[in-house]
PDB file of N, CA and C in Angstrom:
ATOM      1  N   UNK A   1     153.078  89.338 164.728  1.00  0.00           N
ATOM      2  CA  UNK A   1     154.347  89.632 165.356  1.00  0.00           C
ATOM      3  C   UNK A   1     155.311  88.490 165.080  1.00  0.00           C
ATOM      4  N   UNK A   2     156.575  88.785 165.140  1.00  0.00           N
ATOM      5  CA  UNK A   2     157.575  87.750 164.994  1.00  0.00           C
ATOM      6  C   UNK A   2     157.610  86.917 166.265  1.00  0.00           C
ATOM      7  N   UNK A   3     157.971  85.669 166.133  1.00  0.00           N
ATOM      8  CA  UNK A   3     158.070  84.826 167.315  1.00  0.00           C
ATOM      9  C   UNK A   3     159.284  85.226 168.132  1.00  0.00           C
ATOM     10  N   UNK A   4     159.272  84.911 169.415  1.00  0.00           N
ATOM     11  CA  UNK A   4     160.380  85.263 170.293  1.00  0.00           C
ATOM     12  C   UNK A   4     161.677  84.657 169.799  1.00  0.00           C
ATOM     13  N   UNK A   5     162.732  85.449 169.819  1.00  0.00           N
ATOM     14  CA  UNK A   5     164.073  85.011 169.437  1.00  0.00           C
ATOM     15  C   UNK A   5     164.152  84.456 168.021  1.00  0.00           C
ATOM     16  N   UNK A   6     163.278  84.890 167.150  1.00  0.00           N
ATOM     17  CA  UNK A   6     163.308  84.416 165.766  1.00  0.00           C
ATOM     18  C   UNK A   6     164.433  85.116 165.017  1.00  0.00           C
ATOM     19  N   UNK A   7     165.360  84.348 164.407  1.00  0.00           N
ATOM     20  CA  UNK A   7     166.428  84.992 163.639  1.00  0.00           C
ATOM     21  C   UNK A   7     165.853  85.805 162.481  1.00  0.00           C
ATOM     22  N   UNK A   8     166.568  86.814 162.062  1.00  0.00           N
ATOM     23  CA  UNK A   8     166.134  87.666 160.965  1.00  0.00           C
ATOM     24  C   UNK A   8     165.864  86.849 159.704  1.00  0.00           C
ATOM     25  N   UNK A   9     164.798  87.192 159.027  1.00  0.00           N
ATOM     26  CA  UNK A   9     164.411  86.599 157.743  1.00  0.00           C
ATOM     27  C   UNK A   9     164.270  85.081 157.754  1.00  0.00           C
ATOM     28  N   UNK A  10     163.699  84.550 158.798  1.00  0.00           N
ATOM     29  CA  UNK A  10     163.349  83.136 158.810  1.00  0.00           C
ATOM     30  C   UNK A  10     161.916  83.010 159.291  1.00  0.00           C
ATOM     31  N   UNK A  11     161.263  81.955 158.882  1.00  0.00           N
ATOM     32  CA  UNK A  11     159.914  81.676 159.366  1.00  0.00           C
ATOM     33  C   UNK A  11     159.956  80.404 160.189  1.00  0.00           C
ATOM     34  N   UNK A  12     159.207  80.365 161.290  1.00  0.00           N
ATOM     35  CA  UNK A  12     159.145  79.123 162.042  1.00  0.00           C
ATOM     36  C   UNK A  12     158.437  78.056 161.214  1.00  0.00           C
ATOM     37  N   UNK A  13     158.634  76.799 161.570  1.00  0.00           N
ATOM     38  CA  UNK A  13     158.011  75.722 160.802  1.00  0.00           C
ATOM     39  C   UNK A  13     156.493  75.749 160.948  1.00  0.00           C
ATOM     40  N   UNK A  14     155.996  76.164 162.093  1.00  0.00           N
ATOM     41  CA  UNK A  14     154.555  76.323 162.311  1.00  0.00           C
ATOM     42  C   UNK A  14     154.247  77.810 162.467  1.00  0.00           C
ATOM     43  N   UNK A  15     153.475  78.353 161.542  1.00  0.00           N
ATOM     44  CA  UNK A  15     153.129  79.773 161.616  1.00  0.00           C
ATOM     45  C   UNK A  15     151.964  79.977 162.575  1.00  0.00           C
ATOM     46  N   UNK A  16     152.063  81.002 163.385  1.00  0.00           N
ATOM     47  CA  UNK A  16     151.029  81.367 164.341  1.00  0.00           C
ATOM     48  C   UNK A  16     150.091  82.362 163.660  1.00  0.00           C
ATOM     49  N   UNK A  17     148.819  82.019 163.457  1.00  0.00           N
ATOM     50  CA  UNK A  17     147.907  82.926 162.749  1.00  0.00           C
ATOM     51  C   UNK A  17     147.609  84.221 163.495  1.00  0.00           C
ATOM     52  N   UNK A  18     148.005  84.336 164.749  1.00  0.00           N
ATOM     53  CA  UNK A  18     147.787  85.588 165.483  1.00  0.00           C
ATOM     54  C   UNK A  18     148.973  86.533 165.366  1.00  0.00           C
ATOM     55  N   UNK A  19     150.013  86.108 164.686  1.00  0.00           N
ATOM     56  CA  UNK A  19     151.225  86.927 164.535  1.00  0.00           C
ATOM     57  C   UNK A  19     151.433  87.352 163.093  1.00  0.00           C
ATOM     58  N   UNK A  20     152.274  88.368 162.912  1.00  0.00           N
ATOM     59  CA  UNK A  20     152.662  88.822 161.573  1.00  0.00           C
ATOM     60  C   UNK A  20     154.152  88.599 161.405  1.00  0.00           C
ATOM     61  N   UNK A  21     154.564  88.370 160.160  1.00  0.00           N
ATOM     62  CA  UNK A  21     155.954  88.052 159.857  1.00  0.00           C
ATOM     63  C   UNK A  21     156.460  88.967 158.749  1.00  0.00           C
ATOM     64  N   UNK A  22     157.736  89.258 158.743  1.00  0.00           N
ATOM     65  CA  UNK A  22     158.368  90.055 157.695  1.00  0.00           C
ATOM     66  C   UNK A  22     159.063  89.088 156.747  1.00  0.00           C
ATOM     67  N   UNK A  23     158.629  89.083 155.484  1.00  0.00           N
ATOM     68  CA  UNK A  23     159.118  88.085 154.525  1.00  0.00           C
ATOM     69  C   UNK A  23     159.542  88.747 153.211  1.00  0.00           C
ATOM     70  N   UNK A  24     160.464  88.101 152.474  1.00  0.00           N
ATOM     71  CA  UNK A  24     160.795  88.595 151.136  1.00  0.00           C
ATOM     72  C   UNK A  24     159.696  88.226 150.144  1.00  0.00           C
ATOM     73  N   UNK A  25     159.417  89.131 149.234  1.00  0.00           N
ATOM     74  CA  UNK A  25     158.403  88.942 148.186  1.00  0.00           C
ATOM     75  C   UNK A  25     158.934  89.560 146.898  1.00  0.00           C
ATOM     76  N   UNK A  26     158.288  89.259 145.790  1.00  0.00           N
ATOM     77  CA  UNK A  26     158.745  89.802 144.510  1.00  0.00           C
ATOM     78  C   UNK A  26     157.710  90.768 143.930  1.00  0.00           C
ATOM     79  N   UNK A  27     158.194  91.725 143.135  1.00  0.00           N
ATOM     80  CA  UNK A  27     157.282  92.613 142.414  1.00  0.00           C
ATOM     81  C   UNK A  27     157.139  92.111 140.975  1.00  0.00           C
ATOM     82  N   UNK A  28     156.352  92.787 140.170  1.00  0.00           N
ATOM     83  CA  UNK A  28     156.111  92.355 138.790  1.00  0.00           C
ATOM     84  C   UNK A  28     157.341  92.467 137.903  1.00  0.00           C
ATOM     85  N   UNK A  29     158.342  93.234 138.327  1.00  0.00           N
ATOM     86  CA  UNK A  29     159.556  93.421 137.527  1.00  0.00           C
ATOM     87  C   UNK A  29     160.707  92.531 137.984  1.00  0.00           C
ATOM     88  N   UNK A  30     160.460  91.635 138.928  1.00  0.00           N
ATOM     89  CA  UNK A  30     161.489  90.731 139.407  1.00  0.00           C
ATOM     90  C   UNK A  30     162.310  91.253 140.575  1.00  0.00           C
ATOM     91  N   UNK A  31     161.986  92.438 141.083  1.00  0.00           N
ATOM     92  CA  UNK A  31     162.673  92.963 142.261  1.00  0.00           C
ATOM     93  C   UNK A  31     162.195  92.252 143.509  1.00  0.00           C
ATOM     94  N   UNK A  32     163.035  92.222 144.519  1.00  0.00           N
ATOM     95  CA  UNK A  32     162.671  91.566 145.775  1.00  0.00           C
ATOM     96  C   UNK A  32     162.541  92.605 146.876  1.00  0.00           C
ATOM     97  N   UNK A  33     161.431  92.542 147.578  1.00  0.00           N
ATOM     98  CA  UNK A  33     161.087  93.495 148.634  1.00  0.00           C
ATOM     99  C   UNK A  33     160.799  92.738 149.920  1.00  0.00           C
ATOM    100  N   UNK A  34     160.520  93.474 150.990  1.00  0.00           N
ATOM    101  CA  UNK A  34     160.037  92.891 152.232  1.00  0.00           C
ATOM    102  C   UNK A  34     158.585  93.297 152.417  1.00  0.00           C
ATOM    103  N   UNK A  35     157.774  92.380 152.926  1.00  0.00           N
ATOM    104  CA  UNK A  35     156.356  92.671 153.166  1.00  0.00           C
ATOM    105  C   UNK A  35     155.904  91.952 154.429  1.00  0.00           C
ATOM    106  N   UNK A  36     154.812  92.431 154.987  1.00  0.00           N
ATOM    107  CA  UNK A  36     154.195  91.787 156.139  1.00  0.00           C
ATOM    108  C   UNK A  36     153.367  90.599 155.649  1.00  0.00           C
ATOM    109  N   UNK A  37     153.556  89.465 156.288  1.00  0.00           N
ATOM    110  CA  UNK A  37     152.873  88.214 155.964  1.00  0.00           C
ATOM    111  C   UNK A  37     151.963  87.904 157.141  1.00  0.00           C
ATOM    112  N   UNK A  38     150.654  87.833 156.896  1.00  0.00           N
ATOM    113  CA  UNK A  38     149.714  87.602 157.989  1.00  0.00           C
ATOM    114  C   UNK A  38     148.563  86.716 157.529  1.00  0.00           C
ATOM    115  N   UNK A  39     147.878  86.157 158.509  1.00  0.00           N
ATOM    116  CA  UNK A  39     146.755  85.265 158.219  1.00  0.00           C
ATOM    117  C   UNK A  39     145.484  86.096 158.097  1.00  0.00           C
ATOM    118  N   UNK A  40     144.731  85.860 157.029  1.00  0.00           N
ATOM    119  CA  UNK A  40     143.454  86.545 156.793  1.00  0.00           C
ATOM    120  C   UNK A  40     142.326  85.540 157.015  1.00  0.00           C
ATOM    121  N   UNK A  41     141.690  85.555 158.180  1.00  0.00           N
ATOM    122  CA  UNK A  41     140.687  84.538 158.488  1.00  0.00           C
ATOM    123  C   UNK A  41     139.447  84.587 157.596  1.00  0.00           C
ATOM    124  N   UNK A  42     139.165  85.715 156.991  1.00  0.00           N
ATOM    125  CA  UNK A  42     137.976  85.799 156.130  1.00  0.00           C
ATOM    126  C   UNK A  42     138.115  84.975 154.862  1.00  0.00           C
ATOM    127  N   UNK A  43     139.373  84.761 154.397  1.00  0.00           N
ATOM    128  CA  UNK A  43     139.503  84.026 153.131  1.00  0.00           C
ATOM    129  C   UNK A  43     139.749  82.531 153.259  1.00  0.00           C
ATOM    130  N   UNK A  44     140.061  81.890 154.184  1.00  0.00           N
ATOM    131  CA  UNK A  44     141.162  81.837 155.125  1.00  0.00           C
ATOM    132  C   UNK A  44     142.464  81.453 154.417  1.00  0.00           C
ATOM    133  N   UNK A  45     143.440  82.329 154.490  1.00  0.00           N
ATOM    134  CA  UNK A  45     144.720  82.103 153.809  1.00  0.00           C
ATOM    135  C   UNK A  45     145.764  83.072 154.359  1.00  0.00           C
ATOM    136  N   UNK A  46     147.026  82.732 154.131  1.00  0.00           N
ATOM    137  CA  UNK A  46     148.126  83.630 154.455  1.00  0.00           C
ATOM    138  C   UNK A  46     148.310  84.586 153.287  1.00  0.00           C
ATOM    139  N   UNK A  47     148.442  85.892 153.582  1.00  0.00           N
ATOM    140  CA  UNK A  47     148.557  86.906 152.532  1.00  0.00           C
ATOM    141  C   UNK A  47     149.718  87.848 152.837  1.00  0.00           C
ATOM    142  N   UNK A  48     150.237  88.461 151.785  1.00  0.00           N
ATOM    143  CA  UNK A  48     151.269  89.480 151.948  1.00  0.00           C
ATOM    144  C   UNK A  48     150.667  90.834 151.619  1.00  0.00           C
ATOM    145  N   UNK A  49     151.093  91.832 152.367  1.00  0.00           N
ATOM    146  CA  UNK A  49     150.691  93.195 152.083  1.00  0.00           C
ATOM    147  C   UNK A  49     151.623  93.770 151.033  1.00  0.00           C
ATOM    148  N   UNK A  50     151.549  95.073 150.791  1.00  0.00           N
ATOM    149  CA  UNK A  50     152.497  95.704 149.866  1.00  0.00           C
ATOM    150  C   UNK A  50     153.896  95.668 150.469  1.00  0.00           C
ATOM    151  N   UNK A  51     154.899  95.901 149.646  1.00  0.00           N
ATOM    152  CA  UNK A  51     156.254  95.993 150.161  1.00  0.00           C
ATOM    153  C   UNK A  51     156.324  97.092 151.207  1.00  0.00           C
ATOM    154  N   UNK A  52     157.204  96.969 152.184  1.00  0.00           N
ATOM    155  CA  UNK A  52     157.281  97.981 153.229  1.00  0.00           C
ATOM    156  C   UNK A  52     157.676  99.342 152.657  1.00  0.00           C
ATOM    157  N   UNK A  53     158.218  99.346 151.438  1.00  0.00           N
ATOM    158  CA  UNK A  53     158.554 100.600 150.747  1.00  0.00           C
ATOM    159  C   UNK A  53     157.345 101.188 150.032  1.00  0.00           C
ATOM    160  N   UNK A  54     156.231 100.443 149.984  1.00  0.00           N
ATOM    161  CA  UNK A  54     155.018 100.913 149.323  1.00  0.00           C
ATOM    162  C   UNK A  54     154.806 100.330 147.942  1.00  0.00           C
ATOM    163  N   UNK A  55     155.716  99.524 147.451  1.00  0.00           N
ATOM    164  CA  UNK A  55     155.607  98.927 146.127  1.00  0.00           C
ATOM    165  C   UNK A  55     154.577  97.801 146.122  1.00  0.00           C
ATOM    166  N   UNK A  56     153.804  97.703 145.052  1.00  0.00           N
ATOM    167  CA  UNK A  56     152.883  96.590 144.889  1.00  0.00           C
ATOM    168  C   UNK A  56     153.685  95.331 144.605  1.00  0.00           C
ATOM    169  N   UNK A  57     153.392  94.268 145.335  1.00  0.00           N
ATOM    170  CA  UNK A  57     154.130  93.015 145.192  1.00  0.00           C
ATOM    171  C   UNK A  57     153.164  91.869 144.941  1.00  0.00           C
ATOM    172  N   UNK A  58     153.717  90.757 144.498  1.00  0.00           N
ATOM    173  CA  UNK A  58     152.920  89.563 144.262  1.00  0.00           C
ATOM    174  C   UNK A  58     152.650  88.860 145.585  1.00  0.00           C
ATOM    175  N   UNK A  59     151.563  88.091 145.623  1.00  0.00           N
ATOM    176  CA  UNK A  59     151.232  87.327 146.814  1.00  0.00           C
ATOM    177  C   UNK A  59     152.188  86.169 146.996  1.00  0.00           C
ATOM    178  N   UNK A  60     152.484  85.857 148.236  1.00  0.00           N
ATOM    179  CA  UNK A  60     153.293  84.696 148.562  1.00  0.00           C
ATOM    180  C   UNK A  60     154.693  85.047 149.003  1.00  0.00           C
ATOM    181  N   UNK A  61     155.093  84.421 150.084  1.00  0.00           N
ATOM    182  CA  UNK A  61     156.435  84.634 150.613  1.00  0.00           C
ATOM    183  C   UNK A  61     157.448  83.831 149.824  1.00  0.00           C
ATOM    184  N   UNK A  62     158.608  84.426 149.595  1.00  0.00           N
ATOM    185  CA  UNK A  62     159.735  83.731 148.975  1.00  0.00           C
ATOM    186  C   UNK A  62     160.528  83.019 150.075  1.00  0.00           C
ATOM    187  N   UNK A  63     161.431  82.122 149.712  1.00  0.00           N
ATOM    188  CA  UNK A  63     162.283  81.504 150.733  1.00  0.00           C
ATOM    189  C   UNK A  63     163.014  82.582 151.542  1.00  0.00           C
ATOM    190  N   UNK A  64     163.177  82.347 152.826  1.00  0.00           N
ATOM    191  CA  UNK A  64     163.745  83.340 153.737  1.00  0.00           C
ATOM    192  C   UNK A  64     165.129  83.823 153.317  1.00  0.00           C
ATOM    193  N   UNK A  65     165.902  82.968 152.659  1.00  0.00           N
ATOM    194  CA  UNK A  65     167.264  83.360 152.281  1.00  0.00           C
ATOM    195  C   UNK A  65     167.328  84.187 150.994  1.00  0.00           C
ATOM    196  N   UNK A  66     166.188  84.461 150.366  1.00  0.00           N
ATOM    197  CA  UNK A  66     166.152  85.267 149.140  1.00  0.00           C
ATOM    198  C   UNK A  66     166.685  86.666 149.427  1.00  0.00           C
ATOM    199  N   UNK A  67     167.697  87.132 148.692  1.00  0.00           N
ATOM    200  CA  UNK A  67     168.230  88.477 148.943  1.00  0.00           C
ATOM    201  C   UNK A  67     167.231  89.568 148.531  1.00  0.00           C
ATOM    202  N   UNK A  68     167.123  90.587 149.357  1.00  0.00           N
ATOM    203  CA  UNK A  68     166.256  91.729 149.077  1.00  0.00           C
ATOM    204  C   UNK A  68     167.026  92.699 148.190  1.00  0.00           C
ATOM    205  N   UNK A  69     166.434  93.102 147.064  1.00  0.00           N
ATOM    206  CA  UNK A  69     167.104  94.005 146.134  1.00  0.00           C
ATOM    207  C   UNK A  69     166.663  95.460 146.289  1.00  0.00           C
ATOM    208  N   UNK A  70     165.600  95.701 147.043  1.00  0.00           N
ATOM    209  CA  UNK A  70     165.081  97.063 147.228  1.00  0.00           C
ATOM    210  C   UNK A  70     165.811  97.741 148.384  1.00  0.00           C
ATOM    211  N   UNK A  71     166.505  98.838 148.087  1.00  0.00           N
ATOM    212  CA  UNK A  71     167.246  99.568 149.116  1.00  0.00           C
ATOM    213  C   UNK A  71     166.318 100.172 150.165  1.00  0.00           C
ATOM    214  N   UNK A  72     165.140 100.646 149.724  1.00  0.00           N
ATOM    215  CA  UNK A  72     164.201 101.233 150.679  1.00  0.00           C
ATOM    216  C   UNK A  72     163.710 100.188 151.677  1.00  0.00           C
ATOM    217  N   UNK A  73     163.407  98.978 151.199  1.00  0.00           N
ATOM    218  CA  UNK A  73     162.979  97.905 152.101  1.00  0.00           C
ATOM    219  C   UNK A  73     164.093  97.539 153.068  1.00  0.00           C
ATOM    220  N   UNK A  74     165.324  97.477 152.578  1.00  0.00           N
ATOM    221  CA  UNK A  74     166.451  97.173 153.454  1.00  0.00           C
ATOM    222  C   UNK A  74     166.613  98.244 154.530  1.00  0.00           C
ATOM    223  N   UNK A  75     166.429  99.504 154.146  1.00  0.00           N
ATOM    224  CA  UNK A  75     166.541 100.608 155.090  1.00  0.00           C
ATOM    225  C   UNK A  75     165.469 100.525 156.173  1.00  0.00           C
ATOM    226  N   UNK A  76     164.264 100.108 155.795  1.00  0.00           N
ATOM    227  CA  UNK A  76     163.144 100.049 156.733  1.00  0.00           C
ATOM    228  C   UNK A  76     163.075  98.742 157.529  1.00  0.00           C
ATOM    229  N   UNK A  77     163.880  97.757 157.176  1.00  0.00           N
ATOM    230  CA  UNK A  77     163.769  96.430 157.797  1.00  0.00           C
ATOM    231  C   UNK A  77     163.891  96.467 159.318  1.00  0.00           C
ATOM    232  N   UNK A  78     164.894  97.112 159.843  1.00  0.00           N
ATOM    233  CA  UNK A  78     165.079  97.130 161.299  1.00  0.00           C
ATOM    234  C   UNK A  78     163.901  97.794 162.009  1.00  0.00           C
ATOM    235  N   UNK A  79     163.397  98.882 161.447  1.00  0.00           N
ATOM    236  CA  UNK A  79     162.257  99.565 162.053  1.00  0.00           C
ATOM    237  C   UNK A  79     161.032  98.656 162.073  1.00  0.00           C
ATOM    238  N   UNK A  80     160.772  97.946 160.982  1.00  0.00           N
ATOM    239  CA  UNK A  80     159.633  97.037 160.939  1.00  0.00           C
ATOM    240  C   UNK A  80     159.810  95.885 161.917  1.00  0.00           C
ATOM    241  N   UNK A  81     161.008  95.359 162.022  1.00  0.00           N
ATOM    242  CA  UNK A  81     161.259  94.274 162.990  1.00  0.00           C
ATOM    243  C   UNK A  81     160.995  94.756 164.412  1.00  0.00           C
ATOM    244  N   UNK A  82     161.457  95.967 164.727  1.00  0.00           N
ATOM    245  CA  UNK A  82     161.204  96.528 166.061  1.00  0.00           C
ATOM    246  C   UNK A  82     159.708  96.629 166.334  1.00  0.00           C
ATOM    247  N   UNK A  83     158.962  97.120 165.359  1.00  0.00           N
ATOM    248  CA  UNK A  83     157.519  97.270 165.551  1.00  0.00           C
ATOM    249  C   UNK A  83     156.828  95.918 165.702  1.00  0.00           C
ATOM    250  N   UNK A  84     157.175  94.956 164.850  1.00  0.00           N
ATOM    251  CA  UNK A  84     156.550  93.637 164.923  1.00  0.00           C
ATOM    252  C   UNK A  84     156.875  92.919 166.227  1.00  0.00           C
ATOM    253  N   UNK A  85     158.039  93.165 166.756  1.00  0.00           N
ATOM    254  CA  UNK A  85     158.442  92.536 167.999  1.00  0.00           C
ATOM    255  C   UNK A  85     157.981  93.320 169.218  1.00  0.00           C
ATOM    256  N   UNK A  86     157.320  94.464 168.988  1.00  0.00           N
ATOM    257  CA  UNK A  86     156.812  95.273 170.091  1.00  0.00           C
ATOM    258  C   UNK A  86     157.898  95.997 170.868  1.00  0.00           C
ATOM    259  N   UNK A  87     159.027  96.281 170.214  1.00  0.00           N
ATOM    260  CA  UNK A  87     160.153  96.931 170.893  1.00  0.00           C
ATOM    261  C   UNK A  87     160.168  98.439 170.729  1.00  0.00           C
ATOM    262  N   UNK A  88     159.187  99.022 170.057  1.00  0.00           N
ATOM    263  CA  UNK A  88     159.198 100.468 169.855  1.00  0.00           C
ATOM    264  C   UNK A  88     157.776 100.984 169.673  1.00  0.00           C
ATOM    265  N   UNK A  89     157.625 102.270 169.804  1.00  0.00           N
ATOM    266  CA  UNK A  89     156.360 102.934 169.525  1.00  0.00           C
ATOM    267  C   UNK A  89     156.179 102.964 168.011  1.00  0.00           C
ATOM    268  N   UNK A  90     155.090 102.380 167.464  1.00  0.00           N
ATOM    269  CA  UNK A  90     154.923 102.337 166.013  1.00  0.00           C
ATOM    270  C   UNK A  90     154.837 103.721 165.364  1.00  0.00           C
ATOM    271  N   UNK A  91     154.485 104.732 166.135  1.00  0.00           N
ATOM    272  CA  UNK A  91     154.382 106.075 165.569  1.00  0.00           C
ATOM    273  C   UNK A  91     155.751 106.726 165.386  1.00  0.00           C
ATOM    274  N   UNK A  92     156.771 106.131 165.963  1.00  0.00           N
ATOM    275  CA  UNK A  92     158.127 106.668 165.837  1.00  0.00           C
ATOM    276  C   UNK A  92     158.568 106.763 164.381  1.00  0.00           C
ATOM    277  N   UNK A  93     158.144 105.823 163.555  1.00  0.00           N
ATOM    278  CA  UNK A  93     158.573 105.766 162.162  1.00  0.00           C
ATOM    279  C   UNK A  93     157.487 106.193 161.173  1.00  0.00           C
ATOM    280  N   UNK A  94     156.365 106.637 161.661  1.00  0.00           N
ATOM    281  CA  UNK A  94     155.229 106.940 160.791  1.00  0.00           C
ATOM    282  C   UNK A  94     155.361 108.334 160.173  1.00  0.00           C
ATOM    283  N   UNK A  95     155.656 108.426 158.869  1.00  0.00           N
ATOM    284  CA  UNK A  95     155.835 109.744 158.258  1.00  0.00           C
ATOM    285  C   UNK A  95     154.527 110.516 158.135  1.00  0.00           C
ATOM    286  N   UNK A  96     153.388 109.836 158.161  1.00  0.00           N
ATOM    287  CA  UNK A  96     152.106 110.502 157.996  1.00  0.00           C
ATOM    288  C   UNK A  96     151.443 110.845 159.330  1.00  0.00           C
ATOM    289  N   UNK A  97     152.063 110.449 160.406  1.00  0.00           N
ATOM    290  CA  UNK A  97     151.461 110.612 161.727  1.00  0.00           C
ATOM    291  C   UNK A  97     152.069 111.794 162.463  1.00  0.00           C
ATOM    292  N   UNK A  98     151.232 112.689 162.961  1.00  0.00           N
ATOM    293  CA  UNK A  98     151.731 113.840 163.711  1.00  0.00           C
ATOM    294  C   UNK A  98     152.448 113.417 164.979  1.00  0.00           C
ATOM    295  N   UNK A  99     152.061 112.299 165.565  1.00  0.00           N
ATOM    296  CA  UNK A  99     152.700 111.854 166.796  1.00  0.00           C
ATOM    297  C   UNK A  99     154.168 111.551 166.568  1.00  0.00           C
ATOM    298  N   UNK A 100     154.514 111.100 165.352  1.00  0.00           N
ATOM    299  CA  UNK A 100     155.905 110.772 165.052  1.00  0.00           C
ATOM    300  C   UNK A 100     156.814 111.989 165.063  1.00  0.00           C
ATOM    301  N   UNK A 101     156.276 113.176 164.776  1.00  0.00           N
ATOM    302  CA  UNK A 101     157.097 114.397 164.738  1.00  0.00           C
ATOM    303  C   UNK A 101     157.110 115.122 166.074  1.00  0.00           C
ATOM    304  N   UNK A 102     156.309 114.672 167.037  1.00  0.00           N
ATOM    305  CA  UNK A 102     156.251 115.332 168.324  1.00  0.00           C
ATOM    306  C   UNK A 102     157.180 114.718 169.346  1.00  0.00           C
ATOM    307  N   UNK A 103     158.050 113.846 168.949  1.00  0.00           N
ATOM    308  CA  UNK A 103     158.961 113.167 169.876  1.00  0.00           C
ATOM    309  C   UNK A 103     160.241 113.968 170.035  1.00  0.00           C
TER     310      UNK A 103
END
């Protein structure tokens, strides 16, 4: 989860391994996306998932001020921030979940 009152697209100086962060990342073609950044205790290391748009991205967060070039990631950014901050039902935005269409 994002830390309390954390400004958009910034990381705190000390990362909390129990939280997840939304960070800019790059794909193999040089595009910039947003991805979830979380601690994986089995390896132990910080890892990025796929772009929130579903694109495969490279590991590692880019500097917070890096502009995002993916329109789909930009469109989904607010929804992901709401979910990470616990401000909404995660099924609200889930296209594959029946619960999301029953609202």
